[in-house]
């Protein structure tokens, strides 16, 4: 009887592994495709709005996470707190590392005066 149960359980585990393998492979492929899409969009945004890319690099945050945050200003402020920098320091670094940010970019970043 115990051998029958062990054989049944082994069979079910094998069946599960066979059925789950394509799903796990598809999930990995979807994760990879999502990563590629995210990288592409972040790169395009950084090319079009350099201040966003520079800010993301300075604060070690994702441009998409920043833009999709329910409260972008709070997101940037929290990132500045984690990085231990003030908005003035960020502005100085933005000006030093790339083209001067436009006023509408500063507003989006929550850094407008």
N, C-alpha and C. Protein backbone atom coordinates (compact mmCIF):
# COMPACT_ATOMS: atom_id res chain seq x y z
N UNK A 1 0.82 -1.20 0.00
CA UNK A 1 0.00 0.00 0.00
C UNK A 1 0.86 1.26 0.00
N UNK A 2 1.90 1.29 0.83
CA UNK A 2 2.79 2.45 0.89
C UNK A 2 3.51 2.63 -0.45
N UNK A 3 3.86 1.52 -1.09
CA UNK A 3 4.52 1.60 -2.40
C UNK A 3 3.59 2.20 -3.44
N UNK A 4 2.29 1.87 -3.36
CA UNK A 4 1.31 2.41 -4.29
C UNK A 4 1.17 3.92 -4.12
N UNK A 5 1.16 4.37 -2.89
CA UNK A 5 1.04 5.81 -2.61
C UNK A 5 2.30 6.53 -3.09
N UNK A 6 3.46 5.97 -2.81
CA UNK A 6 4.72 6.58 -3.23
C UNK A 6 4.78 6.66 -4.76
N UNK A 7 4.35 5.61 -5.44
CA UNK A 7 4.36 5.60 -6.91
C UNK A 7 3.38 6.64 -7.45
N UNK A 8 2.20 6.72 -6.83
CA UNK A 8 1.20 7.72 -7.25
C UNK A 8 1.74 9.13 -7.09
N UNK A 9 2.34 9.41 -5.92
CA UNK A 9 2.88 10.75 -5.65
C UNK A 9 4.02 11.07 -6.61
N UNK A 10 4.88 10.11 -6.87
CA UNK A 10 5.97 10.32 -7.81
C UNK A 10 5.44 10.62 -9.21
N UNK A 11 4.40 9.90 -9.60
CA UNK A 11 3.77 10.12 -10.91
C UNK A 11 3.18 11.52 -11.00
N UNK A 12 2.52 11.95 -9.95
CA UNK A 12 1.90 13.29 -9.94
C UNK A 12 2.96 14.38 -9.99
N UNK A 13 4.06 14.19 -9.27
CA UNK A 13 5.14 15.18 -9.29
C UNK A 13 5.74 15.26 -10.69
N UNK A 14 5.96 14.11 -11.31
CA UNK A 14 6.49 14.09 -12.68
C UNK A 14 5.53 14.78 -13.65
N UNK A 15 4.26 14.49 -13.51
CA UNK A 15 3.24 15.11 -14.37
C UNK A 15 3.26 16.63 -14.19
N UNK A 16 3.33 17.07 -12.96
CA UNK A 16 3.37 18.50 -12.68
C UNK A 16 4.60 19.14 -13.34
N UNK A 17 5.74 18.51 -13.17
CA UNK A 17 6.98 19.06 -13.75
C UNK A 17 6.89 19.15 -15.27
N UNK A 18 6.33 18.15 -15.89
CA UNK A 18 6.19 18.16 -17.34
C UNK A 18 5.25 19.28 -17.79
N UNK A 19 4.14 19.45 -17.09
CA UNK A 19 3.16 20.47 -17.46
C UNK A 19 3.63 21.88 -17.09
N UNK A 20 4.39 22.00 -16.03
CA UNK A 20 4.83 23.32 -15.58
C UNK A 20 6.02 23.85 -16.37
N UNK A 21 6.83 22.97 -16.93
CA UNK A 21 8.05 23.40 -17.63
C UNK A 21 7.78 24.44 -18.72
N UNK A 22 6.82 24.23 -19.62
CA UNK A 22 6.58 25.26 -20.65
C UNK A 22 6.06 26.57 -20.05
N UNK A 23 5.30 26.47 -18.98
CA UNK A 23 4.80 27.69 -18.34
C UNK A 23 5.95 28.47 -17.70
N UNK A 24 6.85 27.78 -17.06
CA UNK A 24 8.00 28.45 -16.45
C UNK A 24 8.90 29.06 -17.51
N UNK A 25 9.07 28.37 -18.63
CA UNK A 25 9.88 28.90 -19.72
C UNK A 25 9.21 30.16 -20.29
N UNK A 26 7.90 30.11 -20.48
CA UNK A 26 7.17 31.27 -21.00
C UNK A 26 7.26 32.45 -20.02
N UNK A 27 7.20 32.17 -18.74
CA UNK A 27 7.30 33.24 -17.74
C UNK A 27 8.69 33.90 -17.81
N UNK A 28 9.74 33.09 -17.97
CA UNK A 28 11.09 33.66 -18.10
C UNK A 28 11.20 34.51 -19.36
N UNK A 29 10.60 34.04 -20.45
CA UNK A 29 10.64 34.80 -21.71
C UNK A 29 9.86 36.10 -21.57
N UNK A 30 8.74 36.07 -20.88
CA UNK A 30 7.96 37.29 -20.65
C UNK A 30 8.74 38.28 -19.78
N UNK A 31 9.40 37.78 -18.75
CA UNK A 31 10.22 38.65 -17.90
C UNK A 31 11.32 39.31 -18.72
N UNK A 32 11.96 38.53 -19.58
CA UNK A 32 13.03 39.06 -20.42
C UNK A 32 12.48 40.12 -21.38
N UNK A 33 11.34 39.83 -22.01
CA UNK A 33 10.73 40.79 -22.94
C UNK A 33 10.33 42.07 -22.20
N UNK A 34 9.83 41.92 -20.99
CA UNK A 34 9.45 43.08 -20.18
C UNK A 34 10.69 43.91 -19.86
N UNK A 35 11.77 43.25 -19.51
CA UNK A 35 13.03 43.95 -19.22
C UNK A 35 13.52 44.72 -20.46
N UNK A 36 13.46 44.08 -21.62
CA UNK A 36 13.88 44.76 -22.86
C UNK A 36 13.01 45.97 -23.16
N UNK A 37 11.71 45.82 -23.00
CA UNK A 37 10.79 46.92 -23.25
C UNK A 37 11.06 48.07 -22.29
N UNK A 38 11.23 47.76 -21.03
CA UNK A 38 11.50 48.78 -20.01
C UNK A 38 12.79 49.53 -20.34
N UNK A 39 13.84 48.79 -20.69
CA UNK A 39 15.12 49.41 -21.03
C UNK A 39 14.99 50.31 -22.25
N UNK A 40 14.27 49.85 -23.25
CA UNK A 40 14.08 50.63 -24.48
C UNK A 40 13.34 51.94 -24.18
N UNK A 41 12.26 51.85 -23.44
CA UNK A 41 11.46 53.05 -23.14
C UNK A 41 12.26 54.01 -22.26
N UNK A 42 12.97 53.50 -21.27
CA UNK A 42 13.77 54.38 -20.41
C UNK A 42 14.86 55.07 -21.21
N UNK A 43 15.48 54.35 -22.14
CA UNK A 43 16.51 54.95 -22.99
C UNK A 43 15.92 56.03 -23.89
N UNK A 44 14.75 55.77 -24.46
CA UNK A 44 14.11 56.76 -25.33
C UNK A 44 13.73 58.01 -24.54
N UNK A 45 13.23 57.82 -23.33
CA UNK A 45 12.86 58.96 -22.49
C UNK A 45 14.11 59.77 -22.16
N UNK A 46 15.18 59.08 -21.78
CA UNK A 46 16.42 59.78 -21.42
C UNK A 46 16.99 60.54 -22.62
N UNK A 47 16.83 59.99 -23.83
CA UNK A 47 17.30 60.69 -25.03
C UNK A 47 16.47 61.94 -25.30
N UNK A 48 15.16 61.84 -25.09
CA UNK A 48 14.26 62.95 -25.39
C UNK A 48 14.27 64.00 -24.28
N UNK A 49 14.37 63.57 -23.05
CA UNK A 49 14.36 64.48 -21.90
C UNK A 49 15.59 64.14 -21.05
N UNK A 50 16.75 64.66 -21.45
CA UNK A 50 18.01 64.29 -20.79
C UNK A 50 18.01 64.51 -19.28
N UNK A 51 17.33 65.52 -18.81
CA UNK A 51 17.33 65.79 -17.38
C UNK A 51 16.72 64.62 -16.60
N UNK A 52 15.73 63.96 -17.18
CA UNK A 52 15.13 62.81 -16.50
C UNK A 52 16.12 61.67 -16.38
N UNK A 53 16.83 61.40 -17.47
CA UNK A 53 17.83 60.34 -17.43
C UNK A 53 18.95 60.65 -16.46
N UNK A 54 19.40 61.90 -16.46
CA UNK A 54 20.47 62.31 -15.54
C UNK A 54 20.01 62.21 -14.10
N UNK A 55 18.79 62.67 -13.83
CA UNK A 55 18.25 62.60 -12.47
C UNK A 55 18.15 61.15 -12.01
N UNK A 56 17.65 60.30 -12.88
CA UNK A 56 17.53 58.88 -12.53
C UNK A 56 18.89 58.29 -12.19
N UNK A 57 19.89 58.64 -12.98
CA UNK A 57 21.25 58.16 -12.71
C UNK A 57 21.77 58.71 -11.39
N UNK A 58 21.57 60.00 -11.15
CA UNK A 58 22.07 60.62 -9.92
C UNK A 58 21.45 60.00 -8.67
N UNK A 59 20.15 59.70 -8.75
CA UNK A 59 19.43 59.22 -7.58
C UNK A 59 19.30 57.70 -7.55
N UNK A 60 19.85 57.04 -8.58
CA UNK A 60 19.78 55.58 -8.66
C UNK A 60 18.33 55.10 -8.62
N UNK A 61 17.51 55.70 -9.49
CA UNK A 61 16.10 55.33 -9.59
C UNK A 61 15.76 55.05 -11.05
N UNK A 62 14.62 54.47 -11.26
CA UNK A 62 14.14 54.18 -12.60
C UNK A 62 13.32 55.36 -13.11
N UNK A 63 13.58 55.77 -14.35
CA UNK A 63 12.80 56.84 -14.97
C UNK A 63 11.32 56.44 -15.00
N UNK A 64 11.05 55.20 -15.40
CA UNK A 64 9.65 54.76 -15.48
C UNK A 64 8.99 54.72 -14.11
N UNK A 65 9.71 54.22 -13.11
CA UNK A 65 9.14 54.20 -11.76
C UNK A 65 8.81 55.62 -11.32
N UNK A 66 9.71 56.55 -11.62
CA UNK A 66 9.49 57.94 -11.25
C UNK A 66 8.25 58.50 -11.96
N UNK A 67 8.17 58.27 -13.27
CA UNK A 67 7.06 58.84 -14.04
C UNK A 67 5.72 58.17 -13.75
N UNK A 68 5.76 56.91 -13.34
CA UNK A 68 4.52 56.19 -13.06
C UNK A 68 4.12 56.25 -11.59
N UNK A 69 4.95 56.89 -10.78
CA UNK A 69 4.63 57.01 -9.36
C UNK A 69 3.36 57.84 -9.19
N UNK A 70 2.50 57.44 -8.28
CA UNK A 70 1.27 58.22 -8.05
C UNK A 70 1.57 59.67 -7.68
N UNK A 71 2.65 59.88 -6.94
CA UNK A 71 3.08 61.23 -6.55
C UNK A 71 4.53 61.38 -6.95
N UNK A 72 4.77 61.91 -8.15
CA UNK A 72 6.12 62.00 -8.69
C UNK A 72 7.03 62.86 -7.81
N UNK A 73 6.49 63.96 -7.34
CA UNK A 73 7.29 64.87 -6.51
C UNK A 73 7.73 64.16 -5.22
N UNK A 74 6.83 63.42 -4.62
CA UNK A 74 7.17 62.69 -3.39
C UNK A 74 8.21 61.60 -3.70
N UNK A 75 8.05 60.95 -4.85
CA UNK A 75 8.99 59.91 -5.26
C UNK A 75 10.40 60.49 -5.38
N UNK A 76 10.51 61.63 -6.06
CA UNK A 76 11.82 62.29 -6.23
C UNK A 76 12.35 62.76 -4.88
N UNK A 77 11.49 63.35 -4.07
CA UNK A 77 11.92 63.82 -2.75
C UNK A 77 12.42 62.66 -1.89
N UNK A 78 11.72 61.54 -1.92
CA UNK A 78 12.16 60.37 -1.16
C UNK A 78 13.50 59.85 -1.68
N UNK A 79 13.67 59.85 -2.99
CA UNK A 79 14.93 59.40 -3.59
C UNK A 79 16.08 60.33 -3.18
N UNK A 80 15.79 61.64 -3.15
CA UNK A 80 16.82 62.59 -2.72
C UNK A 80 17.19 62.35 -1.26
N UNK A 81 16.19 62.07 -0.43
CA UNK A 81 16.46 61.76 0.99
C UNK A 81 17.35 60.52 1.11
N UNK A 82 17.01 59.47 0.35
CA UNK A 82 17.81 58.25 0.40
C UNK A 82 19.24 58.49 -0.07
N UNK A 83 19.39 59.37 -1.06
CA UNK A 83 20.72 59.68 -1.60
C UNK A 83 21.45 60.70 -0.75
N UNK A 84 20.73 61.35 0.17
CA UNK A 84 21.35 62.34 1.04
C UNK A 84 21.72 63.62 0.33
N UNK A 85 20.88 64.02 -0.65
CA UNK A 85 21.15 65.26 -1.38
C UNK A 85 19.93 66.17 -1.32
N UNK A 86 20.19 67.48 -1.47
CA UNK A 86 19.11 68.46 -1.49
C UNK A 86 18.73 68.74 -2.94
N UNK A 87 17.62 69.42 -3.13
CA UNK A 87 17.20 69.77 -4.48
C UNK A 87 18.21 70.71 -5.14
N UNK A 88 18.82 71.59 -4.36
CA UNK A 88 19.84 72.49 -4.91
C UNK A 88 21.07 71.71 -5.39
N UNK A 89 21.47 70.71 -4.61
CA UNK A 89 22.60 69.88 -5.03
C UNK A 89 22.27 69.10 -6.29
N UNK A 90 21.05 68.61 -6.36
CA UNK A 90 20.62 67.88 -7.56
C UNK A 90 20.64 68.82 -8.77
N UNK A 91 20.11 70.03 -8.61
CA UNK A 91 20.13 71.00 -9.71
C UNK A 91 21.55 71.30 -10.16
N UNK A 92 22.45 71.48 -9.21
CA UNK A 92 23.85 71.75 -9.56
C UNK A 92 24.44 70.57 -10.35
N UNK A 93 24.16 69.37 -9.90
CA UNK A 93 24.68 68.19 -10.58
C UNK A 93 24.05 68.03 -11.96
N UNK A 94 22.77 68.32 -12.07
CA UNK A 94 22.10 68.24 -13.37
C UNK A 94 22.74 69.22 -14.36
N UNK A 95 23.00 70.41 -13.88
CA UNK A 95 23.62 71.42 -14.75
C UNK A 95 25.05 71.04 -15.13
N UNK A 96 25.77 70.40 -14.21
CA UNK A 96 27.16 70.04 -14.47
C UNK A 96 27.29 68.83 -15.40
N UNK A 97 26.33 67.92 -15.35
CA UNK A 97 26.45 66.65 -16.08
C UNK A 97 25.81 66.63 -17.46
N UNK A 98 24.97 67.58 -17.74
CA UNK A 98 24.29 67.51 -19.02
C UNK A 98 23.77 68.86 -19.45
N UNK A 99 22.98 68.84 -20.51
CA UNK A 99 22.39 70.09 -20.96
C UNK A 99 21.51 70.68 -19.85
N UNK A 100 21.46 71.99 -19.76
CA UNK A 100 20.65 72.59 -18.70
C UNK A 100 19.19 72.15 -18.82
N UNK A 101 18.59 71.74 -17.72
CA UNK A 101 17.19 71.32 -17.77
C UNK A 101 16.28 72.50 -18.10
N UNK A 102 15.27 72.22 -18.92
CA UNK A 102 14.27 73.25 -19.24
C UNK A 102 13.33 73.38 -18.05
N UNK A 103 12.64 74.51 -17.98
CA UNK A 103 11.78 74.77 -16.82
C UNK A 103 10.67 73.72 -16.71
N UNK A 104 10.13 73.25 -17.85
CA UNK A 104 9.07 72.24 -17.77
C UNK A 104 9.63 70.90 -17.28
N UNK A 105 10.91 70.64 -17.58
CA UNK A 105 11.54 69.43 -17.07
C UNK A 105 11.71 69.53 -15.55
N UNK A 106 12.11 70.70 -15.09
CA UNK A 106 12.27 70.90 -13.65
C UNK A 106 10.94 70.74 -12.94
N UNK A 107 9.87 71.19 -13.57
CA UNK A 107 8.55 71.05 -12.95
C UNK A 107 8.17 69.58 -12.84
N UNK A 108 8.39 68.83 -13.92
CA UNK A 108 8.09 67.39 -13.90
C UNK A 108 8.92 66.71 -12.82
N UNK A 109 10.15 67.16 -12.65
CA UNK A 109 11.04 66.55 -11.66
C UNK A 109 10.72 66.98 -10.23
N UNK A 110 9.86 67.97 -10.10
CA UNK A 110 9.56 68.48 -8.77
C UNK A 110 10.64 69.38 -8.24
N UNK A 111 11.44 69.96 -9.15
CA UNK A 111 12.58 70.79 -8.74
C UNK A 111 12.40 72.25 -9.15
N UNK A 112 11.25 72.59 -9.70
CA UNK A 112 11.04 73.98 -10.13
C UNK A 112 11.00 74.89 -8.91
N UNK A 113 11.56 76.08 -9.12
CA UNK A 113 11.61 77.03 -8.00
C UNK A 113 10.28 77.72 -7.82
